[in-house]
Amino acid sequence: MYRTLIVDDEQSVHQAIRALVDWNALGLRHPESAYHGVEALEMMETFRPQIVFVDMNMPRMNGADFLEQAASRYPESRFIVVSGYDSFDFARAALRHNVVDYLLKPVDEEELAAALKKAVSLLPPQPEEAQTADDIADNLKKYIDEHYREEISLEFLAEQFHFSREYIGRIFRAKHGFAVYEYILQVRMKQAVELLRNPKLTLPVIADFLGYSNANYFSKAFRRFYGISPSDYRNQNFRQ
């Protein structure tokens, strides 16, 4: 199925486009979301959507600048402008860059379907699958599972996975139901309980194993998570 992306700073537009289209009937995946051009270009590097909806008036990078860069980097993609402005300058910019149609907000269901059918007709046979947002979120989770003892931040993950910290945070929460930091703490605390089973392991040793700089930081994190100190937890649950 062809991959799609909506680039618009208004959440209501994302919701409207999703609701108006029978994506499966057109052979399309449900669209991913970006909220400005800079984020969209980062997503396109890995996600490689074949069809992209573009707003022309966005913060950080307007639609005309986004189209100029995106069409140059990804000539195989097709673009559908969805704009609140019936502007000659915007329309002229759109015509230069693989734009299939120029739709005005609020989006008309029939016009949207016609634009998508036209875009699909212009695409080559299905290419190989690229990573979806779910794939990326799963890879992030796997990385944390394997490296939770290390110092992990959104900034670090952004560098490792080549996406913005905002995008990483959003897709991780959307797929797994909690923030990256919450998941790191969850993994560490689950492992902490297993380590507390061993009476030979002192709190400083456990803290060091879990990546905390000292036992006090570990104890505070444990108490916040479980509502009890690690020593009391050990005494109440793992008496020898």
Protein backbone atom coordinates (compact mmCIF):
# COMPACT_ATOMS: atom_id res chain seq x y z
CA MET A 1 0.00 0.00 0.00
CA TYR A 2 1.18 3.51 -0.78
CA ARG A 3 2.34 5.65 2.13
CA THR A 4 0.83 9.07 2.83
CA LEU A 5 1.81 12.07 4.94
CA ILE A 6 -0.14 15.16 6.06
CA VAL A 7 1.91 18.32 6.64
CA ASP A 8 -0.19 20.98 8.36
CA ASP A 9 0.07 22.93 11.61
CA GLU A 10 -3.67 22.54 12.33
CA GLN A 11 -4.69 19.32 14.09
CA SER A 12 -8.26 19.74 12.80
CA VAL A 13 -7.02 19.44 9.21
CA HIS A 14 -5.27 16.14 9.99
CA GLN A 15 -8.48 14.83 11.54
CA ALA A 16 -10.66 15.99 8.64
CA ILE A 17 -8.49 14.43 5.92
CA ARG A 18 -8.28 11.14 7.81
CA ALA A 19 -12.05 11.01 8.27
CA LEU A 20 -13.00 11.86 4.67
CA VAL A 21 -11.03 9.11 2.90
CA ASP A 22 -11.53 5.36 2.58
CA TRP A 23 -7.79 4.71 2.63
CA ASN A 24 -7.89 0.94 2.16
CA ALA A 25 -10.17 1.20 -0.85
CA LEU A 26 -7.62 3.44 -2.57
CA GLY A 27 -4.71 1.17 -1.69
CA LEU A 28 -3.30 3.71 0.78
CA ARG A 29 -1.97 3.45 4.31
CA HIS A 30 -3.54 5.71 6.90
CA PRO A 31 -1.46 8.90 6.85
CA GLU A 32 1.32 9.89 9.19
CA SER A 33 1.43 13.46 10.51
CA ALA A 34 3.94 16.31 10.52
CA TYR A 35 3.16 19.80 11.78
CA HIS A 36 5.70 21.92 9.91
CA GLY A 37 7.97 21.58 6.90
CA VAL A 38 11.19 20.94 8.82
CA GLU A 39 9.68 17.96 10.62
CA ALA A 40 8.15 16.68 7.37
CA LEU A 41 11.50 16.69 5.56
CA GLU A 42 13.04 14.69 8.41
CA MET A 43 10.22 12.14 8.21
CA MET A 44 10.45 11.83 4.45
CA GLU A 45 14.11 10.84 4.70
CA THR A 46 13.14 7.47 6.22
CA PHE A 47 9.40 7.19 5.76
CA ARG A 48 9.42 8.07 2.03
CA PRO A 49 5.69 8.71 1.52
CA GLN A 50 4.46 8.54 -2.04
CA ILE A 51 1.62 11.06 -1.45
CA VAL A 52 2.02 14.19 0.68
CA PHE A 53 -0.65 16.72 1.68
CA VAL A 54 0.86 20.17 2.15
CA ASP A 55 -0.45 23.33 3.79
CA MET A 56 1.05 26.48 2.26
CA ASN A 57 1.01 28.69 5.37
CA MET A 58 2.99 26.97 8.17
CA PRO A 59 5.47 28.04 10.87
CA ARG A 60 9.24 27.45 10.53
CA MET A 61 8.98 26.61 6.81
CA ASN A 62 6.11 27.61 4.54
CA GLY A 63 4.58 25.31 1.97
CA ALA A 64 6.38 26.84 -1.00
CA ASP A 65 9.81 26.34 0.57
CA PHE A 66 8.89 22.83 1.69
CA LEU A 67 7.72 21.88 -1.80
CA GLU A 68 10.89 23.22 -3.36
CA GLN A 69 13.09 21.06 -1.12
CA ALA A 70 10.85 17.99 -0.94
CA ALA A 71 10.21 17.78 -4.69
CA SER A 72 13.93 18.12 -5.37
CA ARG A 73 14.93 15.43 -2.86
CA TYR A 74 12.03 13.05 -3.50
CA PRO A 75 10.94 13.38 -7.13
CA GLU A 76 8.99 10.12 -6.87
CA SER A 77 6.52 11.68 -4.38
CA ARG A 78 3.32 13.40 -5.42
CA PHE A 79 1.96 16.42 -3.54
CA ILE A 80 -1.57 17.66 -2.88
CA VAL A 81 -1.82 21.21 -1.57
CA VAL A 82 -4.53 21.84 1.02
CA SER A 83 -4.59 25.58 1.69
CA GLY A 84 -6.78 28.17 3.33
CA TYR A 85 -5.55 30.77 0.84
CA ASP A 86 -6.69 31.14 -2.76
CA SER A 87 -3.40 32.80 -3.62
CA PHE A 88 -1.93 33.15 -7.09
CA ASP A 89 1.61 33.13 -5.70
CA PHE A 90 0.96 29.94 -3.74
CA ALA A 91 -0.71 28.30 -6.74
CA ARG A 92 2.19 29.27 -9.02
CA ALA A 93 4.70 27.82 -6.53
CA ALA A 94 2.64 24.63 -6.28
CA LEU A 95 2.54 24.10 -10.04
CA ARG A 96 6.34 23.92 -10.20
CA HIS A 97 6.72 20.92 -7.87
CA ASN A 98 4.90 17.67 -8.68
CA VAL A 99 1.64 19.06 -7.28
CA VAL A 100 -1.34 16.97 -8.35
CA ASP A 101 -4.06 19.32 -7.13
CA TYR A 102 -4.64 22.50 -5.13
CA LEU A 103 -7.54 22.12 -2.69
CA LEU A 104 -9.02 24.88 -0.57
CA LYS A 105 -10.06 24.50 3.06
CA PRO A 106 -12.50 23.31 4.23
CA VAL A 107 -11.72 20.21 2.19
CA ASP A 108 -14.49 18.82 -0.02
CA GLU A 109 -14.81 15.04 0.20
CA GLU A 110 -15.32 14.46 -3.53
CA GLU A 111 -12.48 16.80 -4.51
CA LEU A 112 -10.18 15.08 -2.02
CA ALA A 113 -11.02 11.63 -3.37
CA ALA A 114 -10.49 12.80 -6.95
CA ALA A 115 -7.10 14.30 -6.09
CA LEU A 116 -5.98 11.10 -4.38
CA LYS A 117 -7.11 8.91 -7.30
CA LYS A 118 -5.17 11.15 -9.67
CA ALA A 119 -2.08 10.97 -7.46
CA VAL A 120 -2.27 7.18 -7.27
CA SER A 121 -2.59 6.95 -11.07
CA LEU A 122 0.68 8.87 -11.44
CA LEU A 123 2.65 6.60 -9.12
CA PRO A 124 4.80 3.69 -10.31
CA PRO A 125 4.07 0.11 -9.17
CA GLN A 126 4.39 -0.42 -5.43
CA PRO A 127 7.99 0.16 -4.30
CA GLU A 128 9.69 -1.63 -1.44
CA GLU A 129 8.33 -0.83 2.01
CA ALA A 130 10.08 1.85 4.02
CA GLN A 131 9.92 2.24 7.78
CA THR A 132 6.58 3.33 9.18
CA ALA A 133 6.12 5.33 12.35
CA ASP A 134 5.17 2.10 14.13
CA ASP A 135 8.42 0.48 12.95
CA ILE A 136 10.43 3.41 14.26
CA ALA A 137 8.60 3.40 17.61
CA ASP A 138 9.24 -0.33 17.96
CA ASN A 139 12.93 0.17 17.17
CA LEU A 140 13.11 2.90 19.80
CA LYS A 141 11.55 0.56 22.37
CA LYS A 142 13.98 -2.21 21.45
CA TYR A 143 16.90 0.18 21.80
CA ILE A 144 15.76 1.24 25.27
CA ASP A 145 15.24 -2.39 26.31
CA GLU A 146 18.84 -3.12 25.38
CA HIS A 147 20.46 0.10 26.62
CA TYR A 148 18.38 1.17 29.64
CA ARG A 149 21.49 1.12 31.86
CA GLU A 150 22.99 3.93 29.80
CA GLU A 151 22.14 7.62 29.89
CA ILE A 152 19.35 8.02 27.35
CA SER A 153 17.66 11.31 26.48
CA LEU A 154 15.35 12.44 23.69
CA GLU A 155 18.23 14.47 22.29
CA PHE A 156 20.43 11.36 22.22
CA LEU A 157 17.72 9.27 20.54
CA ALA A 158 17.14 12.04 18.00
CA GLU A 159 20.81 11.87 17.03
CA GLN A 160 20.83 8.06 16.93
CA PHE A 161 17.68 7.70 14.83
CA HIS A 162 17.99 10.90 12.75
CA PHE A 163 14.61 12.39 13.62
CA SER A 164 13.58 15.41 15.65
CA ARG A 165 13.08 14.92 19.39
CA GLU A 166 9.47 16.10 18.97
CA TYR A 167 8.74 13.46 16.34
CA ILE A 168 10.38 10.70 18.38
CA GLY A 169 8.46 11.67 21.49
CA ARG A 170 5.15 11.83 19.64
CA ILE A 171 5.33 8.52 17.76
CA PHE A 172 6.63 6.65 20.82
CA ARG A 173 3.72 7.86 22.94
CA ALA A 174 1.23 7.16 20.13
CA LYS A 175 2.42 3.56 19.72
CA HIS A 176 3.26 2.57 23.30
CA GLY A 177 1.02 4.81 25.39
CA PHE A 178 3.63 6.62 27.47
CA ALA A 179 6.54 9.01 27.12
CA VAL A 180 10.09 7.85 26.40
CA TYR A 181 11.26 8.91 29.87
CA GLU A 182 8.37 7.04 31.48
CA TYR A 183 9.29 3.88 29.63
CA ILE A 184 12.98 4.12 30.58
CA LEU A 185 11.95 4.45 34.24
CA GLN A 186 9.51 1.56 33.89
CA VAL A 187 12.19 -0.75 32.48
CA ARG A 188 14.70 0.24 35.17
CA MET A 189 12.21 -0.24 38.00
CA LYS A 190 11.09 -3.63 36.72
CA GLN A 191 14.72 -4.73 36.63
CA ALA A 192 15.29 -3.20 40.08
CA VAL A 193 12.67 -5.51 41.59
CA GLU A 194 14.42 -8.52 40.09
CA LEU A 195 17.77 -7.39 41.49
CA LEU A 196 16.30 -6.81 44.95
CA ARG A 197 15.47 -10.50 45.11
CA ASN A 198 19.17 -11.19 45.55
CA PRO A 199 20.09 -10.34 49.18
CA LYS A 200 23.78 -10.22 48.29
CA LEU A 201 23.30 -7.15 46.07
CA THR A 202 23.57 -3.87 47.97
CA LEU A 203 21.63 -0.78 46.93
CA PRO A 204 24.77 0.98 45.59
CA VAL A 205 25.52 -2.06 43.42
CA ILE A 206 21.95 -2.17 42.12
CA ALA A 207 21.97 1.58 41.49
CA ASP A 208 25.20 1.32 39.51
CA PHE A 209 23.88 -1.61 37.47
CA LEU A 210 20.75 0.34 36.54
CA GLY A 211 22.71 3.39 35.43
CA TYR A 212 22.15 5.68 38.43
CA SER A 213 25.12 7.72 39.61
CA ASN A 214 24.48 6.86 43.26
CA ALA A 215 22.15 4.93 45.56
CA ASN A 216 20.27 8.06 46.68
CA TYR A 217 19.11 8.85 43.13
CA PHE A 218 18.05 5.24 42.68
CA SER A 219 16.15 5.20 45.99
CA LYS A 220 14.31 8.42 45.14
CA ALA A 221 13.32 7.08 41.70
CA PHE A 222 12.19 3.78 43.20
CA ARG A 223 10.10 5.52 45.88
CA ARG A 224 8.44 7.78 43.29
CA PHE A 225 7.59 4.76 41.14
CA TYR A 226 6.48 2.26 43.80
CA GLY A 227 5.64 4.54 46.73
CA ILE A 228 8.09 2.71 48.98
CA SER A 229 11.86 2.65 49.46
CA PRO A 230 13.82 -0.20 47.85
CA SER A 231 14.99 -1.37 51.30
CA ASP A 232 11.43 -1.59 52.62
CA TYR A 233 10.28 -3.26 49.41
CA ARG A 234 12.98 -5.89 49.78
CA ASN A 235 12.12 -6.48 53.45
CA GLN A 236 8.41 -6.81 52.76
CA ASN A 237 8.60 -9.02 49.67
CA PHE A 238 11.85 -10.96 49.70
CA ARG A 239 12.56 -11.94 53.28
CA GLN A 240 14.97 -14.82 53.47
